[in-house]
Amino acid sequence: MITPLPGATPTKPGSATFPLPGIMTDIVDETGKPVGRGKGGILVIKRPWPAMVRTIWGDPERYRKTYFPEDFKGKLYLAGDV
């Protein structure tokens, strides 16, 4: 989801570079508010994307709680990266 495009994105070791085209990302604090540039936080996806999974087989509530937590008012996808 966040990767360099070969030949189009300059890279250096350890850098994540930019999101793929069509992916809207942000870094937020524990309450879901965006943090300033250069500050740490939680990586989230702000809008759905075409290949997004829709549920966990047999447990759709677990999917909602895991990836769309109430802390973010169910509006941001929690990528699981900090």
PDB file of N, CA and C in Angstrom:
ATOM      1  N   MET A   1       0.826  -1.196   0.000  1.00  0.00           N
ATOM      2  CA  MET A   1       0.000   0.000   0.000  1.00  0.00           C
ATOM      3  C   MET A   1       0.870   1.259   0.000  1.00  0.00           C
ATOM      4  N   ILE A   2       2.005   1.193   0.679  1.00  0.00           N
ATOM      5  CA  ILE A   2       2.939   2.320   0.690  1.00  0.00           C
ATOM      6  C   ILE A   2       4.277   1.763   0.223  1.00  0.00           C
ATOM      7  N   THR A   3       4.616   2.086  -1.008  1.00  0.00           N
ATOM      8  CA  THR A   3       5.797   1.495  -1.616  1.00  0.00           C
ATOM      9  C   THR A   3       6.317   2.399  -2.731  1.00  0.00           C
ATOM     10  N   PRO A   4       7.599   2.329  -3.031  1.00  0.00           N
ATOM     11  CA  PRO A   4       8.086   3.106  -4.171  1.00  0.00           C
ATOM     12  C   PRO A   4       7.668   2.456  -5.485  1.00  0.00           C
ATOM     13  N   LEU A   5       7.418   3.265  -6.486  1.00  0.00           N
ATOM     14  CA  LEU A   5       7.167   2.749  -7.824  1.00  0.00           C
ATOM     15  C   LEU A   5       8.512   2.684  -8.531  1.00  0.00           C
ATOM     16  N   PRO A   6       8.922   1.508  -8.996  1.00  0.00           N
ATOM     17  CA  PRO A   6      10.244   1.357  -9.619  1.00  0.00           C
ATOM     18  C   PRO A   6      10.459   2.348 -10.762  1.00  0.00           C
ATOM     19  N   GLY A   7      11.569   3.037 -10.690  1.00  0.00           N
ATOM     20  CA  GLY A   7      11.922   4.000 -11.725  1.00  0.00           C
ATOM     21  C   GLY A   7      11.239   5.350 -11.608  1.00  0.00           C
ATOM     22  N   ALA A   8      10.255   5.477 -10.723  1.00  0.00           N
ATOM     23  CA  ALA A   8       9.511   6.735 -10.609  1.00  0.00           C
ATOM     24  C   ALA A   8       9.705   7.412  -9.252  1.00  0.00           C
ATOM     25  N   THR A   9      10.095   6.641  -8.247  1.00  0.00           N
ATOM     26  CA  THR A   9      10.218   7.181  -6.896  1.00  0.00           C
ATOM     27  C   THR A   9      11.649   7.026  -6.406  1.00  0.00           C
ATOM     28  N   PRO A  10      12.323   8.134  -6.077  1.00  0.00           N
ATOM     29  CA  PRO A  10      13.665   8.000  -5.505  1.00  0.00           C
ATOM     30  C   PRO A  10      13.568   7.355  -4.123  1.00  0.00           C
ATOM     31  N   THR A  11      14.503   6.481  -3.821  1.00  0.00           N
ATOM     32  CA  THR A  11      14.444   5.758  -2.546  1.00  0.00           C
ATOM     33  C   THR A  11      15.741   5.860  -1.777  1.00  0.00           C
ATOM     34  N   LYS A  12      15.647   5.531  -0.499  1.00  0.00           N
ATOM     35  CA  LYS A  12      16.812   5.338   0.351  1.00  0.00           C
ATOM     36  C   LYS A  12      16.450   4.197   1.304  1.00  0.00           C
ATOM     37  N   PRO A  13      17.417   3.446   1.780  1.00  0.00           N
ATOM     38  CA  PRO A  13      17.106   2.298   2.633  1.00  0.00           C
ATOM     39  C   PRO A  13      16.246   2.689   3.841  1.00  0.00           C
ATOM     40  N   GLY A  14      15.220   1.888   4.092  1.00  0.00           N
ATOM     41  CA  GLY A  14      14.360   2.105   5.250  1.00  0.00           C
ATOM     42  C   GLY A  14      13.203   3.057   5.037  1.00  0.00           C
ATOM     43  N   SER A  15      13.103   3.634   3.832  1.00  0.00           N
ATOM     44  CA  SER A  15      12.022   4.586   3.605  1.00  0.00           C
ATOM     45  C   SER A  15      10.800   3.876   3.028  1.00  0.00           C
ATOM     46  N   ALA A  16       9.608   4.309   3.440  1.00  0.00           N
ATOM     47  CA  ALA A  16       8.373   3.733   2.923  1.00  0.00           C
ATOM     48  C   ALA A  16       7.889   4.500   1.700  1.00  0.00           C
ATOM     49  N   THR A  17       8.337   5.666   1.492  1.00  0.00           N
ATOM     50  CA  THR A  17       8.002   6.583   0.394  1.00  0.00           C
ATOM     51  C   THR A  17       6.537   6.999   0.410  1.00  0.00           C
ATOM     52  N   PHE A  18       5.774   6.704  -0.655  1.00  0.00           N
ATOM     53  CA  PHE A  18       4.420   7.244  -0.811  1.00  0.00           C
ATOM     54  C   PHE A  18       3.394   6.131  -0.992  1.00  0.00           C
ATOM     55  N   PRO A  19       2.117   6.449  -0.735  1.00  0.00           N
ATOM     56  CA  PRO A  19       1.068   5.452  -1.004  1.00  0.00           C
ATOM     57  C   PRO A  19       0.915   5.218  -2.506  1.00  0.00           C
ATOM     58  N   LEU A  20       0.432   4.045  -2.861  1.00  0.00           N
ATOM     59  CA  LEU A  20       0.125   3.750  -4.256  1.00  0.00           C
ATOM     60  C   LEU A  20      -0.975   4.689  -4.747  1.00  0.00           C
ATOM     61  N   PRO A  21      -1.054   4.931  -6.045  1.00  0.00           N
ATOM     62  CA  PRO A  21      -2.113   5.802  -6.561  1.00  0.00           C
ATOM     63  C   PRO A  21      -3.504   5.313  -6.132  1.00  0.00           C
ATOM     64  N   GLY A  22      -4.320   6.250  -5.681  1.00  0.00           N
ATOM     65  CA  GLY A  22      -5.673   5.923  -5.244  1.00  0.00           C
ATOM     66  C   GLY A  22      -5.808   5.584  -3.771  1.00  0.00           C
ATOM     67  N   ILE A  23      -4.689   5.448  -3.065  1.00  0.00           N
ATOM     68  CA  ILE A  23      -4.712   5.125  -1.633  1.00  0.00           C
ATOM     69  C   ILE A  23      -4.511   6.417  -0.845  1.00  0.00           C
ATOM     70  N   MET A  24      -5.464   6.752   0.014  1.00  0.00           N
ATOM     71  CA  MET A  24      -5.409   7.972   0.832  1.00  0.00           C
ATOM     72  C   MET A  24      -4.999   7.584   2.252  1.00  0.00           C
ATOM     73  N   THR A  25      -3.789   7.942   2.658  1.00  0.00           N
ATOM     74  CA  THR A  25      -3.290   7.579   3.986  1.00  0.00           C
ATOM     75  C   THR A  25      -3.156   8.806   4.875  1.00  0.00           C
ATOM     76  N   ASP A  26      -2.979   8.550   6.164  1.00  0.00           N
ATOM     77  CA  ASP A  26      -2.716   9.619   7.121  1.00  0.00           C
ATOM     78  C   ASP A  26      -2.056   9.011   8.344  1.00  0.00           C
ATOM     79  N   ILE A  27      -1.423   9.838   9.133  1.00  0.00           N
ATOM     80  CA  ILE A  27      -0.877   9.439  10.434  1.00  0.00           C
ATOM     81  C   ILE A  27      -1.692  10.181  11.475  1.00  0.00           C
ATOM     82  N   VAL A  28      -2.279   9.441  12.421  1.00  0.00           N
ATOM     83  CA  VAL A  28      -3.154  10.039  13.418  1.00  0.00           C
ATOM     84  C   VAL A  28      -2.706   9.662  14.823  1.00  0.00           C
ATOM     85  N   ASP A  29      -3.235  10.396  15.818  1.00  0.00           N
ATOM     86  CA  ASP A  29      -2.975  10.044  17.217  1.00  0.00           C
ATOM     87  C   ASP A  29      -4.020   9.016  17.662  1.00  0.00           C
ATOM     88  N   GLU A  30      -4.039   8.705  18.966  1.00  0.00           N
ATOM     89  CA  GLU A  30      -4.935   7.684  19.507  1.00  0.00           C
ATOM     90  C   GLU A  30      -6.412   8.041  19.375  1.00  0.00           C
ATOM     91  N   THR A  31      -6.724   9.316  19.154  1.00  0.00           N
ATOM     92  CA  THR A  31      -8.119   9.740  19.024  1.00  0.00           C
ATOM     93  C   THR A  31      -8.553   9.884  17.568  1.00  0.00           C
ATOM     94  N   GLY A  32      -7.641   9.645  16.626  1.00  0.00           N
ATOM     95  CA  GLY A  32      -7.967   9.745  15.212  1.00  0.00           C
ATOM     96  C   GLY A  32      -7.702  11.103  14.598  1.00  0.00           C
ATOM     97  N   LYS A  33      -7.067  11.997  15.360  1.00  0.00           N
ATOM     98  CA  LYS A  33      -6.753  13.324  14.823  1.00  0.00           C
ATOM     99  C   LYS A  33      -5.379  13.288  14.146  1.00  0.00           C
ATOM    100  N   PRO A  34      -5.250  13.900  12.962  1.00  0.00           N
ATOM    101  CA  PRO A  34      -3.960  13.910  12.265  1.00  0.00           C
ATOM    102  C   PRO A  34      -2.867  14.569  13.106  1.00  0.00           C
ATOM    103  N   VAL A  35      -1.662  14.006  13.018  1.00  0.00           N
ATOM    104  CA  VAL A  35      -0.508  14.579  13.722  1.00  0.00           C
ATOM    105  C   VAL A  35       0.306  15.384  12.727  1.00  0.00           C
ATOM    106  N   GLY A  36       1.168  16.225  13.234  1.00  0.00           N
ATOM    107  CA  GLY A  36       2.001  17.059  12.372  1.00  0.00           C
ATOM    108  C   GLY A  36       3.071  16.270  11.653  1.00  0.00           C
ATOM    109  N   ARG A  37       3.608  16.871  10.620  1.00  0.00           N
ATOM    110  CA  ARG A  37       4.667  16.264   9.827  1.00  0.00           C
ATOM    111  C   ARG A  37       5.885  15.975  10.707  1.00  0.00           C
ATOM    112  N   GLY A  38       6.437  14.790  10.571  1.00  0.00           N
ATOM    113  CA  GLY A  38       7.620  14.406  11.321  1.00  0.00           C
ATOM    114  C   GLY A  38       7.319  13.838  12.700  1.00  0.00           C
ATOM    115  N   LYS A  39       6.045  13.738  13.075  1.00  0.00           N
ATOM    116  CA  LYS A  39       5.671  13.193  14.383  1.00  0.00           C
ATOM    117  C   LYS A  39       5.164  11.765  14.198  1.00  0.00           C
ATOM    118  N   GLY A  40       5.337  10.958  15.219  1.00  0.00           N
ATOM    119  CA  GLY A  40       4.887   9.575  15.174  1.00  0.00           C
ATOM    120  C   GLY A  40       3.398   9.457  15.429  1.00  0.00           C
ATOM    121  N   GLY A  41       2.834   8.352  15.016  1.00  0.00           N
ATOM    122  CA  GLY A  41       1.428   8.096  15.229  1.00  0.00           C
ATOM    123  C   GLY A  41       1.023   6.763  14.645  1.00  0.00           C
ATOM    124  N   ILE A  42      -0.246   6.630  14.311  1.00  0.00           N
ATOM    125  CA  ILE A  42      -0.811   5.390  13.806  1.00  0.00           C
ATOM    126  C   ILE A  42      -1.154   5.577  12.329  1.00  0.00           C
ATOM    127  N   LEU A  43      -0.706   4.637  11.494  1.00  0.00           N
ATOM    128  CA  LEU A  43      -0.991   4.693  10.067  1.00  0.00           C
ATOM    129  C   LEU A  43      -2.422   4.235   9.816  1.00  0.00           C
ATOM    130  N   VAL A  44      -3.203   5.055   9.108  1.00  0.00           N
ATOM    131  CA  VAL A  44      -4.578   4.701   8.756  1.00  0.00           C
ATOM    132  C   VAL A  44      -4.811   4.955   7.266  1.00  0.00           C
ATOM    133  N   ILE A  45      -5.805   4.289   6.733  1.00  0.00           N
ATOM    134  CA  ILE A  45      -6.261   4.514   5.367  1.00  0.00           C
ATOM    135  C   ILE A  45      -7.567   5.296   5.480  1.00  0.00           C
ATOM    136  N   LYS A  46      -7.673   6.418   4.786  1.00  0.00           N
ATOM    137  CA  LYS A  46      -8.809   7.320   4.962  1.00  0.00           C
ATOM    138  C   LYS A  46     -10.024   6.960   4.113  1.00  0.00           C
ATOM    139  N   ARG A  47      -9.847   6.250   3.012  1.00  0.00           N
ATOM    140  CA  ARG A  47     -10.981   5.887   2.151  1.00  0.00           C
ATOM    141  C   ARG A  47     -10.842   4.444   1.699  1.00  0.00           C
ATOM    142  N   PRO A  48     -11.947   3.778   1.412  1.00  0.00           N
ATOM    143  CA  PRO A  48     -11.860   2.403   0.903  1.00  0.00           C
ATOM    144  C   PRO A  48     -11.172   2.361  -0.454  1.00  0.00           C
ATOM    145  N   TRP A  49     -10.648   1.195  -0.814  1.00  0.00           N
ATOM    146  CA  TRP A  49     -10.010   1.002  -2.099  1.00  0.00           C
ATOM    147  C   TRP A  49     -10.626  -0.240  -2.755  1.00  0.00           C
ATOM    148  N   PRO A  50     -10.471  -0.394  -4.071  1.00  0.00           N
ATOM    149  CA  PRO A  50     -11.185  -1.448  -4.794  1.00  0.00           C
ATOM    150  C   PRO A  50     -10.954  -2.874  -4.288  1.00  0.00           C
ATOM    151  N   ALA A  51      -9.765  -3.223  -3.876  1.00  0.00           N
ATOM    152  CA  ALA A  51      -9.482  -4.597  -3.472  1.00  0.00           C
ATOM    153  C   ALA A  51      -9.664  -4.820  -1.971  1.00  0.00           C
ATOM    154  N   MET A  52     -10.323  -3.907  -1.311  1.00  0.00           N
ATOM    155  CA  MET A  52     -10.484  -3.995   0.147  1.00  0.00           C
ATOM    156  C   MET A  52     -11.334  -5.201   0.542  1.00  0.00           C
ATOM    157  N   VAL A  53     -10.857  -5.944   1.530  1.00  0.00           N
ATOM    158  CA  VAL A  53     -11.618  -7.072   2.067  1.00  0.00           C
ATOM    159  C   VAL A  53     -12.867  -6.526   2.774  1.00  0.00           C
ATOM    160  N   ARG A  54     -13.956  -7.265   2.744  1.00  0.00           N
ATOM    161  CA  ARG A  54     -15.207  -6.753   3.300  1.00  0.00           C
ATOM    162  C   ARG A  54     -15.581  -7.340   4.642  1.00  0.00           C
ATOM    163  N   THR A  55     -14.993  -8.450   5.018  1.00  0.00           N
ATOM    164  CA  THR A  55     -15.331  -9.091   6.287  1.00  0.00           C
ATOM    165  C   THR A  55     -14.302 -10.165   6.618  1.00  0.00           C
ATOM    166  N   ILE A  56     -14.416 -10.745   7.784  1.00  0.00           N
ATOM    167  CA  ILE A  56     -13.672 -11.940   8.152  1.00  0.00           C
ATOM    168  C   ILE A  56     -14.693 -13.067   8.113  1.00  0.00           C
ATOM    169  N   TRP A  57     -14.406 -14.132   7.396  1.00  0.00           N
ATOM    170  CA  TRP A  57     -15.365 -15.209   7.184  1.00  0.00           C
ATOM    171  C   TRP A  57     -15.912 -15.723   8.517  1.00  0.00           C
ATOM    172  N   GLY A  58     -17.211 -15.659   8.641  1.00  0.00           N
ATOM    173  CA  GLY A  58     -17.875 -16.156   9.835  1.00  0.00           C
ATOM    174  C   GLY A  58     -17.890 -15.196  11.016  1.00  0.00           C
ATOM    175  N   ASP A  59     -17.238 -14.040  10.892  1.00  0.00           N
ATOM    176  CA  ASP A  59     -17.195 -13.115  12.025  1.00  0.00           C
ATOM    177  C   ASP A  59     -17.083 -11.666  11.552  1.00  0.00           C
ATOM    178  N   PRO A  60     -18.130 -11.130  10.908  1.00  0.00           N
ATOM    179  CA  PRO A  60     -18.058  -9.758  10.406  1.00  0.00           C
ATOM    180  C   PRO A  60     -17.880  -8.714  11.510  1.00  0.00           C
ATOM    181  N   GLU A  61     -18.379  -8.980  12.702  1.00  0.00           N
ATOM    182  CA  GLU A  61     -18.223  -8.032  13.815  1.00  0.00           C
ATOM    183  C   GLU A  61     -16.749  -7.904  14.211  1.00  0.00           C
ATOM    184  N   ARG A  62     -16.009  -9.006  14.188  1.00  0.00           N
ATOM    185  CA  ARG A  62     -14.567  -8.967  14.499  1.00  0.00           C
ATOM    186  C   ARG A  62     -13.828  -8.094  13.488  1.00  0.00           C
ATOM    187  N   TYR A  63     -14.208  -8.213  12.218  1.00  0.00           N
ATOM    188  CA  TYR A  63     -13.598  -7.383  11.171  1.00  0.00           C
ATOM    189  C   TYR A  63     -13.812  -5.907  11.475  1.00  0.00           C
ATOM    190  N   ARG A  64     -15.052  -5.541  11.781  1.00  0.00           N
ATOM    191  CA  ARG A  64     -15.372  -4.143  12.071  1.00  0.00           C
ATOM    192  C   ARG A  64     -14.588  -3.639  13.276  1.00  0.00           C
ATOM    193  N   LYS A  65     -14.534  -4.407  14.352  1.00  0.00           N
ATOM    194  CA  LYS A  65     -13.829  -3.971  15.569  1.00  0.00           C
ATOM    195  C   LYS A  65     -12.318  -3.893  15.372  1.00  0.00           C
ATOM    196  N   THR A  66     -11.769  -4.800  14.563  1.00  0.00           N
ATOM    197  CA  THR A  66     -10.320  -4.841  14.351  1.00  0.00           C
ATOM    198  C   THR A  66      -9.833  -3.732  13.435  1.00  0.00           C
ATOM    199  N   TYR A  67     -10.516  -3.528  12.314  1.00  0.00           N
ATOM    200  CA  TYR A  67     -10.023  -2.611  11.296  1.00  0.00           C
ATOM    201  C   TYR A  67     -10.693  -1.242  11.285  1.00  0.00           C
ATOM    202  N   PHE A  68     -11.856  -1.104  11.907  1.00  0.00           N
ATOM    203  CA  PHE A  68     -12.571   0.173  11.980  1.00  0.00           C
ATOM    204  C   PHE A  68     -12.935   0.465  13.428  1.00  0.00           C
ATOM    205  N   PRO A  69     -11.920   0.672  14.301  1.00  0.00           N
ATOM    206  CA  PRO A  69     -12.199   0.808  15.737  1.00  0.00           C
ATOM    207  C   PRO A  69     -13.035   2.038  16.083  1.00  0.00           C
ATOM    208  N   GLU A  70     -13.784   1.924  17.162  1.00  0.00           N
ATOM    209  CA  GLU A  70     -14.622   3.026  17.652  1.00  0.00           C
ATOM    210  C   GLU A  70     -13.788   4.259  17.992  1.00  0.00           C
ATOM    211  N   ASP A  71     -12.520   4.064  18.380  1.00  0.00           N
ATOM    212  CA  ASP A  71     -11.647   5.209  18.689  1.00  0.00           C
ATOM    213  C   ASP A  71     -11.593   6.186  17.517  1.00  0.00           C
ATOM    214  N   PHE A  72     -11.729   5.662  16.308  1.00  0.00           N
ATOM    215  CA  PHE A  72     -11.679   6.483  15.104  1.00  0.00           C
ATOM    216  C   PHE A  72     -13.074   6.682  14.525  1.00  0.00           C
ATOM    217  N   LYS A  73     -14.076   6.458  15.353  1.00  0.00           N
ATOM    218  CA  LYS A  73     -15.485   6.642  14.973  1.00  0.00           C
ATOM    219  C   LYS A  73     -15.889   5.784  13.773  1.00  0.00           C
ATOM    220  N   GLY A  74     -15.170   4.671  13.562  1.00  0.00           N
ATOM    221  CA  GLY A  74     -15.492   3.755  12.482  1.00  0.00           C
ATOM    222  C   GLY A  74     -15.257   4.317  11.098  1.00  0.00           C
ATOM    223  N   LYS A  75     -14.534   5.429  10.975  1.00  0.00           N
ATOM    224  CA  LYS A  75     -14.355   6.090   9.677  1.00  0.00           C
ATOM    225  C   LYS A  75     -12.975   5.894   9.072  1.00  0.00           C
ATOM    226  N   LEU A  76     -12.007   5.433   9.853  1.00  0.00           N
ATOM    227  CA  LEU A  76     -10.657   5.238   9.350  1.00  0.00           C
ATOM    228  C   LEU A  76     -10.307   3.762   9.442  1.00  0.00           C
ATOM    229  N   TYR A  77      -9.640   3.233   8.412  1.00  0.00           N
ATOM    230  CA  TYR A  77      -9.178   1.852   8.389  1.00  0.00           C
ATOM    231  C   TYR A  77      -7.846   1.781   9.112  1.00  0.00           C
ATOM    232  N   LEU A  78      -7.768   0.972  10.148  1.00  0.00           N
ATOM    233  CA  LEU A  78      -6.542   0.832  10.931  1.00  0.00           C
ATOM    234  C   LEU A  78      -5.629  -0.167  10.233  1.00  0.00           C
ATOM    235  N   ALA A  79      -4.517   0.301   9.719  1.00  0.00           N
ATOM    236  CA  ALA A  79      -3.596  -0.553   8.986  1.00  0.00           C
ATOM    237  C   ALA A  79      -2.802  -1.469   9.906  1.00  0.00           C
ATOM    238  N   GLY A  80      -2.694  -1.134  11.183  1.00  0.00           N
ATOM    239  CA  GLY A  80      -1.955  -1.958  12.127  1.00  0.00           C
ATOM    240  C   GLY A  80      -0.498  -1.545  12.269  1.00  0.00           C
ATOM    241  N   ASP A  81      -0.066  -0.517  11.571  1.00  0.00           N
ATOM    242  CA  ASP A  81       1.322  -0.033  11.645  1.00  0.00           C
ATOM    243  C   ASP A  81       1.394   1.230  12.487  1.00  0.00           C
ATOM    244  N   VAL A  82       2.453   1.324  13.266  1.00  0.00           N
ATOM    245  CA  VAL A  82       2.670   2.515  14.096  1.00  0.00           C
ATOM    246  C   VAL A  82       3.950   3.181  13.653  1.00  0.00           C
TER     247      VAL A  82
END
